[in-house]
């Protein structure tokens, strides 16, 4: 099914950027600078949209010429490329973007043709994004049957279990079983790590 792999939605959006001939300084340069300055990891604005597996923004200048016998094509404008994988459906995801990262949306999409501005409301923003959407027909999700929270908890468990195994080499079986039960109890009670990181510890009490 286009755009969907398992429980994951693959969003691809291309928005034409305003012409540098009509605006000074060049919109694509300002857009590149802003995208380059955006924080990453736990500080990324996309971590506020909790269903995001990953998101990427880039400026596309042109298509590459593959050489003869390919036809040489050129884009009529530069484009902002926005790609995201997330849990759930598209409209809910755009709602969450509107709610949790409205400032960044204005800063990014202000350089794009026909962007209505968020002052016109959430529904107008969603209609604009959907008009610019491309159907994702060849979509591979690295993890397509787990939510973001499930992935974060699995990564936390993987990391912590490796550390647990290294610390308990040679421990007698009865003691190891007790330690493992304590380890799993601590894991179940631990909060889910923040998006953008798995640098987390829950099993170091008394060690």
Protein backbone atom coordinates (compact mmCIF):
# COMPACT_ATOMS: atom_id res chain seq x y z
CA UNK A 1 0.00 0.00 0.00
CA UNK A 2 1.52 3.40 -0.97
CA UNK A 3 2.87 5.56 1.88
CA UNK A 4 2.48 2.79 4.48
CA UNK A 5 4.75 -0.05 5.61
CA UNK A 6 3.32 -2.02 8.50
CA UNK A 7 2.31 0.53 11.13
CA UNK A 8 4.62 3.22 9.78
CA UNK A 9 3.65 6.05 7.45
CA UNK A 10 6.24 7.36 5.00
CA UNK A 11 5.71 11.02 4.16
CA UNK A 12 7.43 12.68 1.20
CA UNK A 13 6.75 16.35 0.48
CA UNK A 14 8.26 18.64 -2.17
CA UNK A 15 7.53 22.36 -1.87
CA UNK A 16 8.81 24.80 -4.52
CA UNK A 17 11.03 27.53 -3.09
CA UNK A 18 10.46 31.17 -3.98
CA UNK A 19 12.58 32.48 -6.86
CA UNK A 20 15.87 34.15 -6.01
CA UNK A 21 15.23 36.52 -8.93
CA UNK A 22 12.29 38.03 -7.08
CA UNK A 23 13.68 38.02 -3.54
CA UNK A 24 16.94 39.26 -2.08
CA UNK A 25 18.67 37.68 -0.23
CA UNK A 26 18.04 34.37 -1.97
CA UNK A 27 15.30 32.37 -0.18
CA UNK A 28 17.05 29.02 -0.69
CA UNK A 29 20.20 30.34 0.99
CA UNK A 30 18.24 31.60 3.99
CA UNK A 31 16.41 28.29 4.13
CA UNK A 32 19.66 26.31 4.02
CA UNK A 33 21.06 28.42 6.84
CA UNK A 34 18.01 27.91 9.01
CA UNK A 35 17.87 24.15 8.41
CA UNK A 36 21.59 23.92 9.16
CA UNK A 37 21.10 25.76 12.46
CA UNK A 38 18.27 23.54 13.70
CA UNK A 39 19.15 21.52 16.81
CA UNK A 40 19.42 17.76 16.56
CA UNK A 41 19.12 14.84 18.96
CA UNK A 42 16.92 15.44 22.01
CA UNK A 43 16.72 19.17 21.20
CA UNK A 44 15.26 18.61 17.73
CA UNK A 45 11.78 20.14 17.34
CA UNK A 46 10.61 16.84 15.84
CA UNK A 47 11.05 15.14 19.23
CA UNK A 48 8.04 17.21 20.34
CA UNK A 49 5.99 15.31 17.76
CA UNK A 50 6.18 12.05 19.68
CA UNK A 51 5.14 9.74 16.84
CA UNK A 52 8.18 10.68 14.70
CA UNK A 53 10.64 7.87 13.96
CA UNK A 54 12.83 10.23 11.95
CA UNK A 55 12.48 13.39 9.89
CA UNK A 56 14.71 15.05 7.31
CA UNK A 57 14.75 18.43 5.55
CA UNK A 58 16.85 19.33 2.54
CA UNK A 59 17.02 21.76 -0.38
CA UNK A 60 17.02 20.21 -3.85
CA UNK A 61 18.71 22.39 -6.49
CA UNK A 62 18.33 20.20 -9.56
CA UNK A 63 18.25 16.64 -10.81
CA UNK A 64 21.50 14.96 -11.73
CA UNK A 65 22.18 14.24 -15.40
CA UNK A 66 23.09 10.56 -15.71
CA UNK A 67 24.79 11.01 -19.07
CA UNK A 68 23.92 9.67 -22.50
CA UNK A 69 21.58 8.05 -23.33
CA UNK A 70 19.52 9.59 -20.54
CA UNK A 71 17.41 12.65 -21.18
CA UNK A 72 18.74 15.79 -19.53
CA UNK A 73 16.04 17.22 -17.27
CA UNK A 74 16.02 20.35 -15.14
CA UNK A 75 13.72 21.46 -12.34
CA UNK A 76 11.72 24.61 -12.87
CA UNK A 77 12.56 25.74 -9.34
CA UNK A 78 14.44 24.64 -6.26
CA UNK A 79 12.48 22.54 -3.80
CA UNK A 80 12.28 21.97 -0.09
CA UNK A 81 12.26 18.21 0.48
CA UNK A 82 10.62 17.02 3.70
CA UNK A 83 10.70 13.32 4.52
CA UNK A 84 9.34 11.73 7.70
CA UNK A 85 8.47 8.28 9.03
CA UNK A 86 5.92 8.24 11.85
CA UNK A 87 3.24 6.23 13.64
CA UNK A 88 -0.40 6.77 12.78
CA UNK A 89 -2.13 8.64 9.99
CA UNK A 90 -1.08 11.72 8.08
CA UNK A 91 -3.68 14.20 9.31
CA UNK A 92 -2.96 13.42 12.98
CA UNK A 93 0.74 13.86 12.34
CA UNK A 94 0.24 17.24 10.66
CA UNK A 95 -2.03 18.26 13.54
CA UNK A 96 0.77 17.45 15.98
CA UNK A 97 3.31 19.37 13.93
CA UNK A 98 1.02 22.38 13.91
CA UNK A 99 0.52 22.12 17.67
CA UNK A 100 4.08 21.39 18.81
CA UNK A 101 6.42 23.10 16.33
CA UNK A 102 4.51 26.02 14.85
CA UNK A 103 7.46 28.42 15.21
CA UNK A 104 9.75 26.13 13.22
CA UNK A 105 7.08 25.57 10.56
CA UNK A 106 6.85 29.32 9.97
CA UNK A 107 10.63 29.67 9.85
CA UNK A 108 11.01 26.84 7.32
CA UNK A 109 8.02 27.09 5.01
CA UNK A 110 7.95 30.89 4.77
CA UNK A 111 10.44 30.51 1.89
CA UNK A 112 8.13 28.21 -0.09
CA UNK A 113 5.70 29.19 -2.83
CA UNK A 114 2.03 29.44 -1.77
CA UNK A 115 2.69 28.70 1.91
CA UNK A 116 -0.43 30.16 3.55
CA UNK A 117 1.09 30.94 6.94
CA UNK A 118 -0.17 29.41 10.15
CA UNK A 119 -2.32 32.41 10.97
CA UNK A 120 -4.84 30.99 8.47
CA UNK A 121 -5.29 27.97 10.68
CA UNK A 122 -4.45 24.31 10.98
CA UNK A 123 -6.74 23.09 8.22
CA UNK A 124 -5.19 25.43 5.65
CA UNK A 125 -1.72 24.25 6.69
CA UNK A 126 -2.74 20.62 6.25
CA UNK A 127 -4.28 21.27 2.84
CA UNK A 128 -1.07 22.95 1.71
CA UNK A 129 1.11 20.06 2.86
CA UNK A 130 -1.15 17.44 1.28
CA UNK A 131 -1.10 19.33 -2.04
CA UNK A 132 2.70 19.13 -1.97
CA UNK A 133 2.80 15.44 -1.01
CA UNK A 134 4.26 12.81 -3.31
CA UNK A 135 3.00 9.24 -3.10
CA UNK A 136 5.66 7.04 -1.52
CA UNK A 137 5.50 3.95 -3.72
CA UNK A 138 8.82 2.32 -2.77
CA UNK A 139 8.87 2.59 0.99
CA UNK A 140 11.05 0.53 3.31
CA UNK A 141 10.69 1.09 7.05
CA UNK A 142 13.54 -0.25 9.17
CA UNK A 143 11.04 -0.99 11.94
CA UNK A 144 7.52 -1.21 10.59
CA UNK A 145 5.61 -3.04 13.32
CA UNK A 146 6.71 -1.12 16.44
CA UNK A 147 5.73 2.30 17.73
CA UNK A 148 8.33 4.95 18.57
CA UNK A 149 7.89 4.19 22.27
CA UNK A 150 8.36 0.46 21.69
CA UNK A 151 11.52 1.09 19.68
CA UNK A 152 12.98 3.37 22.35
CA UNK A 153 12.28 0.84 25.08
CA UNK A 154 13.74 -2.00 23.00
CA UNK A 155 16.93 -0.01 22.40
CA UNK A 156 17.14 0.83 26.09
CA UNK A 157 16.75 -2.87 26.98
CA UNK A 158 19.35 -3.94 24.43
CA UNK A 159 21.89 -1.45 25.69
CA UNK A 160 21.29 -2.15 29.36
CA UNK A 161 21.23 -5.93 28.95
CA UNK A 162 24.65 -5.87 27.25
CA UNK A 163 25.99 -3.95 30.23
CA UNK A 164 24.26 -6.31 32.66
CA UNK A 165 25.77 -9.37 30.98
CA UNK A 166 29.26 -7.87 31.03
CA UNK A 167 28.99 -7.02 34.74
CA UNK A 168 27.79 -10.45 35.79
CA UNK A 169 30.24 -12.81 34.10
CA UNK A 170 30.97 -15.79 36.37
CA UNK A 171 28.19 -15.04 38.88
CA UNK A 172 26.68 -18.24 40.34
CA UNK A 173 23.39 -19.31 38.76
CA UNK A 174 21.17 -18.65 41.78
CA UNK A 175 22.60 -15.18 42.31
CA UNK A 176 22.46 -14.44 38.59
CA UNK A 177 18.78 -15.38 38.45
CA UNK A 178 18.04 -13.01 41.35
CA UNK A 179 20.01 -10.19 39.71
CA UNK A 180 18.23 -10.76 36.41
CA UNK A 181 14.81 -10.56 38.06
CA UNK A 182 15.85 -7.28 39.69
CA UNK A 183 17.16 -6.05 36.35
CA UNK A 184 13.87 -6.76 34.57
CA UNK A 185 11.84 -5.19 37.37
CA UNK A 186 13.93 -2.02 37.07
CA UNK A 187 13.44 -2.03 33.30
CA UNK A 188 9.65 -2.32 33.56
CA UNK A 189 9.50 0.60 36.00
CA UNK A 190 11.91 2.84 34.10
CA UNK A 191 10.44 5.70 32.05
CA UNK A 192 10.78 5.59 28.29
CA UNK A 193 13.92 7.44 27.13
CA UNK A 194 13.52 10.76 25.39
CA UNK A 195 13.35 10.64 21.61
CA UNK A 196 16.67 11.32 19.96
CA UNK A 197 18.80 9.41 22.45
CA UNK A 198 19.28 6.00 24.07
CA UNK A 199 21.93 7.23 26.51
CA UNK A 200 20.00 6.07 29.55
CA UNK A 201 20.66 4.10 32.73
CA UNK A 202 18.19 2.36 35.03
CA UNK A 203 20.05 -0.59 36.57
CA UNK A 204 23.00 0.87 38.45
CA UNK A 205 21.51 1.08 41.93
CA UNK A 206 24.01 -0.09 44.55
CA UNK A 207 26.76 -0.80 42.01
